[in-house]
Amino acid sequence: MSLDAAVKNTLAYSLFFDFPLAPHEVHYWLNSPHVVNFSQLPLKDIPPLSQKQIQSRAKRLQTSLLKKKLATSLLKPLFPLPFIWFIGLTGSVAVNNATPNDDLDIFIITAPSTLWLVRPLCLLYFSFKGVRRSRRTPNNKVTNLICPNLWLDYNNLQLLPHQRSLYTAHEVLQVFPLINKNYTYERFIFQNSWTKKYLANAYSVSVTQRSIRHSGLDPESIKNKYPFYYLLAPLNLLFFLFQFLIMFPHKKKEKVSLGKAFFHNSDFPQKVLESLS
């Protein structure tokens, strides 16, 4: 793909989400498998933001900051739980493109062999607080509700080949961390280094900023340090089977397994990618 085509695709992707980009943002999110210097960008192909777009971006930034603050407040009681190693925001709030009616999409990574033990505790807490978005919640009633649509076990951080695309690369690199233990976020980025095939600049900056450490990140080290979690594997399996049986009658296109659970709309990424063709 030529640099001109990469810029065109980057702008088209952002406009699908009504999120026009300034030149430095085009550079960061450039749809290219190669790291490109800002000086190489064809700036003539990047239209300047209009006053209306600038004002819209400012409003969405303010809305997003308020929602991030609210999410931190709502989720803070979960931070000390030993089985929860990472909580992050995804979607529009994570990239500062939220509108007032948006919900709060969150991403949770649990300690090894505890995903299905942690999930019901979190859902009970969200229900108790009255902030859980369920499959029955009408779309016009989701404002500021918690939508826990992505769950991973620490030993299952890498997205599988069939899940990898420009859309999922964005989702990985757009995550806004709220709580991060045991360098879990760093390992998540490291395990999904395939994202540089689509967003080399964003991946490069993310790796540099986070100063990814390799020591203490591998599952074997975690197993030696926290053997108790692995003893919970049989109980975690039992909880998985129980929850799967509850979900099965309502299951549509959700992707769930012992180490991963994706509850988002699986058709949406395809719609996004089709808009670029």
Protein backbone atom coordinates (compact mmCIF):
# COMPACT_ATOMS: atom_id res chain seq x y z
CA MET A 1 0.00 0.00 0.00
CA SER A 2 1.35 3.43 -0.95
CA LEU A 3 1.67 6.16 1.65
CA ASP A 4 -1.07 8.15 -0.07
CA ALA A 5 -3.40 5.13 0.11
CA ALA A 6 -2.47 4.57 3.77
CA VAL A 7 -3.42 8.16 4.61
CA LYS A 8 -6.67 7.81 2.67
CA ASN A 9 -7.59 4.59 4.50
CA THR A 10 -6.70 6.12 7.87
CA LEU A 11 -8.97 9.10 7.25
CA ALA A 12 -11.79 6.88 5.97
CA TYR A 13 -11.56 4.67 9.07
CA SER A 14 -11.78 7.63 11.44
CA LEU A 15 -14.66 9.21 9.55
CA PHE A 16 -16.67 6.00 9.89
CA PHE A 17 -16.68 6.79 13.62
CA ASP A 18 -17.30 10.49 13.02
CA PHE A 19 -13.85 11.19 14.45
CA PRO A 20 -11.92 13.46 12.05
CA LEU A 21 -8.17 13.43 12.67
CA ALA A 22 -5.58 16.17 12.84
CA PRO A 23 -2.28 15.49 10.99
CA HIS A 24 -0.44 14.25 14.09
CA GLU A 25 -3.30 11.83 14.79
CA VAL A 26 -3.24 10.57 11.21
CA HIS A 27 0.46 9.91 11.75
CA TYR A 28 -0.17 8.00 14.98
CA TRP A 29 -3.02 5.86 13.59
CA LEU A 30 -1.56 5.47 10.10
CA ASN A 31 -2.78 2.24 8.51
CA SER A 32 0.65 0.94 7.55
CA PRO A 33 2.82 -2.09 8.42
CA HIS A 34 5.90 0.16 8.45
CA VAL A 35 6.91 2.90 10.87
CA VAL A 36 6.64 6.21 9.03
CA ASN A 37 8.14 9.53 10.08
CA PHE A 38 5.80 12.50 10.32
CA SER A 39 7.91 14.37 7.75
CA GLN A 40 7.03 11.70 5.18
CA LEU A 41 3.29 12.29 5.40
CA PRO A 42 1.64 13.91 2.36
CA LEU A 43 0.08 16.71 4.42
CA LYS A 44 -1.68 18.07 1.34
CA ASP A 45 -3.93 14.97 1.44
CA ILE A 46 -4.99 15.63 5.05
CA PRO A 47 -7.75 18.25 5.18
CA PRO A 48 -7.58 20.65 8.14
CA LEU A 49 -10.30 20.30 10.77
CA SER A 50 -13.17 22.71 10.29
CA GLN A 51 -14.32 24.91 13.16
CA LYS A 52 -17.40 22.72 13.53
CA GLN A 53 -15.23 19.60 13.76
CA ILE A 54 -12.94 21.23 16.31
CA GLN A 55 -15.92 22.16 18.47
CA SER A 56 -17.39 18.66 18.16
CA ARG A 57 -14.07 17.08 19.12
CA ALA A 58 -13.80 19.38 22.14
CA LYS A 59 -17.29 18.42 23.35
CA ARG A 60 -16.60 14.73 22.92
CA LEU A 61 -13.29 15.06 24.74
CA GLN A 62 -15.01 16.71 27.70
CA THR A 63 -17.75 14.06 27.70
CA SER A 64 -15.15 11.28 27.53
CA LEU A 65 -13.14 12.69 30.44
CA LEU A 66 -16.28 12.82 32.58
CA LYS A 67 -17.13 9.24 31.65
CA LYS A 68 -13.58 8.09 32.44
CA LYS A 69 -13.86 9.71 35.85
CA LEU A 70 -17.24 8.05 36.43
CA ALA A 71 -15.92 4.65 35.30
CA THR A 72 -12.96 4.94 37.66
CA SER A 73 -15.31 5.74 40.53
CA LEU A 74 -17.69 2.86 39.72
CA LEU A 75 -14.94 0.29 39.20
CA LYS A 76 -12.57 1.32 42.00
CA PRO A 77 -14.06 -1.13 44.55
CA LEU A 78 -12.99 -3.97 42.21
CA PHE A 79 -9.36 -2.84 41.94
CA PRO A 80 -8.15 -4.55 45.16
CA LEU A 81 -9.61 -7.95 44.23
CA PRO A 82 -6.62 -10.29 43.83
CA PHE A 83 -8.15 -12.18 40.90
CA ILE A 84 -8.55 -9.02 38.78
CA TRP A 85 -5.24 -8.06 37.19
CA PHE A 86 -6.39 -5.48 34.64
CA ILE A 87 -9.42 -3.32 33.88
CA GLY A 88 -9.48 -1.00 30.90
CA LEU A 89 -11.93 1.10 28.93
CA THR A 90 -12.50 0.42 25.25
CA GLY A 91 -14.64 1.94 22.52
CA SER A 92 -15.53 5.60 22.12
CA VAL A 93 -14.72 6.59 25.70
CA ALA A 94 -11.19 5.17 25.45
CA VAL A 95 -10.36 7.34 22.41
CA ASN A 96 -12.12 10.47 23.71
CA ASN A 97 -14.90 10.27 21.14
CA ALA A 98 -17.87 9.65 23.45
CA THR A 99 -21.30 11.21 23.18
CA PRO A 100 -23.47 11.80 26.29
CA ASN A 101 -25.64 8.73 25.64
CA ASP A 102 -22.76 6.25 25.32
CA ASP A 103 -22.26 3.38 27.73
CA LEU A 104 -18.94 2.37 29.34
CA ASP A 105 -17.32 -0.56 27.53
CA ILE A 106 -14.82 -2.30 29.76
CA PHE A 107 -12.19 -4.98 29.29
CA ILE A 108 -11.16 -7.25 32.16
CA ILE A 109 -8.14 -9.54 32.41
CA THR A 110 -8.16 -12.01 35.28
CA ALA A 111 -5.46 -14.04 36.98
CA PRO A 112 -4.85 -17.47 35.42
CA SER A 113 -7.70 -19.97 35.75
CA THR A 114 -10.09 -17.49 37.38
CA LEU A 115 -12.05 -15.82 34.54
CA TRP A 116 -15.31 -17.64 35.20
CA LEU A 117 -14.95 -17.24 38.95
CA VAL A 118 -14.46 -13.49 38.62
CA ARG A 119 -17.17 -12.81 36.05
CA PRO A 120 -20.24 -13.59 38.22
CA LEU A 121 -18.81 -11.53 41.08
CA CYS A 122 -18.38 -8.53 38.77
CA LEU A 123 -21.84 -8.92 37.25
CA LEU A 124 -23.41 -9.12 40.71
CA TYR A 125 -21.57 -5.96 41.73
CA PHE A 126 -22.68 -4.09 38.59
CA SER A 127 -26.28 -5.23 39.14
CA PHE A 128 -26.17 -4.20 42.80
CA LYS A 129 -24.94 -0.75 41.79
CA GLY A 130 -27.62 -0.55 39.11
CA VAL A 131 -25.06 0.10 36.36
CA ARG A 132 -24.99 -3.19 34.46
CA ARG A 133 -25.92 -3.21 30.79
CA SER A 134 -27.49 -6.53 29.91
CA ARG A 135 -28.71 -7.98 26.61
CA ARG A 136 -32.22 -6.83 27.55
CA THR A 137 -31.29 -3.18 28.13
CA PRO A 138 -32.89 -0.95 25.44
CA ASN A 139 -30.40 1.03 23.36
CA ASN A 140 -31.93 4.30 24.54
CA LYS A 141 -31.32 3.36 28.19
CA VAL A 142 -27.60 2.55 28.15
CA THR A 143 -26.15 5.94 29.19
CA ASN A 144 -23.20 5.38 31.55
CA LEU A 145 -24.05 1.72 32.10
CA ILE A 146 -21.14 -0.72 32.42
CA CYS A 147 -20.84 -3.08 29.46
CA PRO A 148 -18.25 -5.78 30.28
CA ASN A 149 -17.96 -7.14 26.76
CA LEU A 150 -14.40 -8.48 26.74
CA TRP A 151 -12.82 -10.90 29.23
CA LEU A 152 -9.45 -12.61 29.04
CA ASP A 153 -7.53 -14.99 31.27
CA TYR A 154 -3.86 -13.97 31.77
CA ASN A 155 -2.72 -17.10 29.93
CA ASN A 156 -4.95 -16.31 26.93
CA LEU A 157 -4.03 -12.74 26.00
CA GLN A 158 -3.24 -13.25 22.33
CA LEU A 159 -6.04 -12.83 19.81
CA LEU A 160 -6.26 -15.75 17.42
CA PRO A 161 -5.37 -15.34 13.71
CA HIS A 162 -9.01 -15.30 12.58
CA GLN A 163 -9.72 -12.43 15.00
CA ARG A 164 -6.95 -10.18 13.69
CA SER A 165 -7.86 -7.23 11.50
CA LEU A 166 -7.45 -3.47 11.25
CA TYR A 167 -10.48 -3.12 13.53
CA THR A 168 -9.16 -5.39 16.29
CA ALA A 169 -5.71 -3.81 16.01
CA HIS A 170 -7.36 -0.48 16.80
CA GLU A 171 -9.27 -2.01 19.69
CA VAL A 172 -6.09 -3.47 21.20
CA LEU A 173 -4.05 -0.27 20.92
CA GLN A 174 -6.90 2.05 21.97
CA VAL A 175 -7.45 0.44 25.38
CA PHE A 176 -7.35 2.97 28.23
CA PRO A 177 -6.00 1.24 31.37
CA LEU A 178 -7.69 1.93 34.71
CA ILE A 179 -5.91 -0.69 36.84
CA ASN A 180 -2.88 -2.77 35.85
CA LYS A 181 -1.20 -5.41 38.03
CA ASN A 182 1.77 -7.68 37.33
CA TYR A 183 2.51 -5.84 34.06
CA THR A 184 -0.59 -7.46 32.59
CA TYR A 185 -1.27 -4.61 30.15
CA GLU A 186 2.34 -4.72 28.95
CA ARG A 187 2.11 -8.44 28.31
CA PHE A 188 -1.22 -7.96 26.52
CA ILE A 189 0.45 -5.51 24.10
CA PHE A 190 3.50 -7.75 23.74
CA GLN A 191 1.35 -10.82 23.03
CA ASN A 192 -0.52 -8.90 20.33
CA SER A 193 2.48 -7.57 18.46
CA TRP A 194 0.69 -8.62 15.26
CA THR A 195 -1.06 -5.22 15.51
CA LYS A 196 2.04 -3.59 14.01
CA LYS A 197 1.09 -5.24 10.72
CA TYR A 198 -1.80 -2.75 10.59
CA LEU A 199 -0.74 0.13 12.84
CA ALA A 200 3.04 0.14 13.04
CA ASN A 201 3.30 3.73 14.31
CA ALA A 202 0.73 3.27 17.08
CA TYR A 203 2.29 -0.04 18.16
CA SER A 204 5.79 1.44 18.20
CA VAL A 205 4.71 4.40 20.35
CA SER A 206 2.73 2.14 22.71
CA VAL A 207 5.72 -0.15 23.23
CA THR A 208 8.05 2.80 23.81
CA GLN A 209 5.71 4.60 26.22
CA ARG A 210 4.94 1.51 28.28
CA SER A 211 8.58 0.38 28.43
CA ILE A 212 7.48 -3.23 28.04
CA ARG A 213 9.34 -5.52 30.42
CA HIS A 214 9.95 -9.14 29.56
CA SER A 215 10.99 -10.28 33.05
CA GLY A 216 8.22 -11.77 35.14
CA LEU A 217 5.72 -11.73 32.29
CA ASP A 218 5.78 -15.32 31.07
CA PRO A 219 3.13 -17.74 32.35
CA GLU A 220 5.76 -20.06 33.85
CA SER A 221 7.03 -17.27 36.12
CA ILE A 222 3.46 -16.40 37.08
CA LYS A 223 2.75 -20.06 37.83
CA ASN A 224 5.76 -20.26 40.15
CA LYS A 225 4.81 -17.01 41.87
CA TYR A 226 1.07 -17.67 42.16
CA PRO A 227 0.53 -21.47 42.24
CA PHE A 228 -2.77 -21.00 44.11
CA TYR A 229 -4.52 -19.69 40.99
CA TYR A 230 -3.71 -22.84 39.05
CA LEU A 231 -5.21 -24.95 41.82
CA LEU A 232 -8.49 -23.20 41.07
CA ALA A 233 -8.56 -24.52 37.49
CA PRO A 234 -11.07 -27.34 38.19
CA LEU A 235 -13.43 -24.93 39.98
CA ASN A 236 -13.03 -22.39 37.17
CA LEU A 237 -13.95 -25.09 34.66
CA LEU A 238 -17.05 -25.98 36.66
CA PHE A 239 -18.11 -22.32 36.78
CA PHE A 240 -17.50 -22.01 33.04
CA LEU A 241 -19.76 -24.97 32.26
CA PHE A 242 -22.47 -23.65 34.57
CA GLN A 243 -22.42 -20.16 33.02
CA PHE A 244 -22.22 -21.55 29.49
CA LEU A 245 -25.37 -23.59 30.10
CA ILE A 246 -27.15 -20.44 31.31
CA MET A 247 -25.97 -18.46 28.27
CA PHE A 248 -26.59 -21.19 25.69
CA PRO A 249 -30.36 -20.61 25.13
CA HIS A 250 -29.66 -16.90 24.50
CA LYS A 251 -26.34 -17.31 22.71
CA LYS A 252 -26.08 -15.60 19.32
CA LYS A 253 -22.66 -14.60 18.01
CA GLU A 254 -20.83 -14.33 21.31
CA LYS A 255 -17.47 -16.09 21.39
CA VAL A 256 -16.75 -17.82 24.69
CA SER A 257 -14.19 -20.38 25.78
CA LEU A 258 -12.45 -21.32 29.01
CA GLY A 259 -9.87 -18.55 28.65
CA LYS A 260 -11.73 -15.88 26.65
CA ALA A 261 -15.15 -14.30 26.36
CA PHE A 262 -16.24 -11.78 23.72
CA PHE A 263 -19.73 -10.39 24.13
CA HIS A 264 -19.63 -7.56 21.57
CA ASN A 265 -21.46 -7.38 18.24
CA SER A 266 -19.40 -9.67 16.00
CA ASP A 267 -20.93 -8.19 12.81
CA PHE A 268 -19.77 -4.66 13.55
CA PRO A 269 -16.05 -5.12 12.70
CA GLN A 270 -17.01 -6.48 9.28
CA LYS A 271 -19.22 -3.45 8.63
CA VAL A 272 -16.34 -1.14 9.50
CA LEU A 273 -13.91 -2.93 7.20
CA GLU A 274 -16.46 -3.08 4.36
CA SER A 275 -16.81 0.70 4.57
CA LEU A 276 -13.17 1.06 3.57
CA SER A 277 -13.47 -1.02 0.39
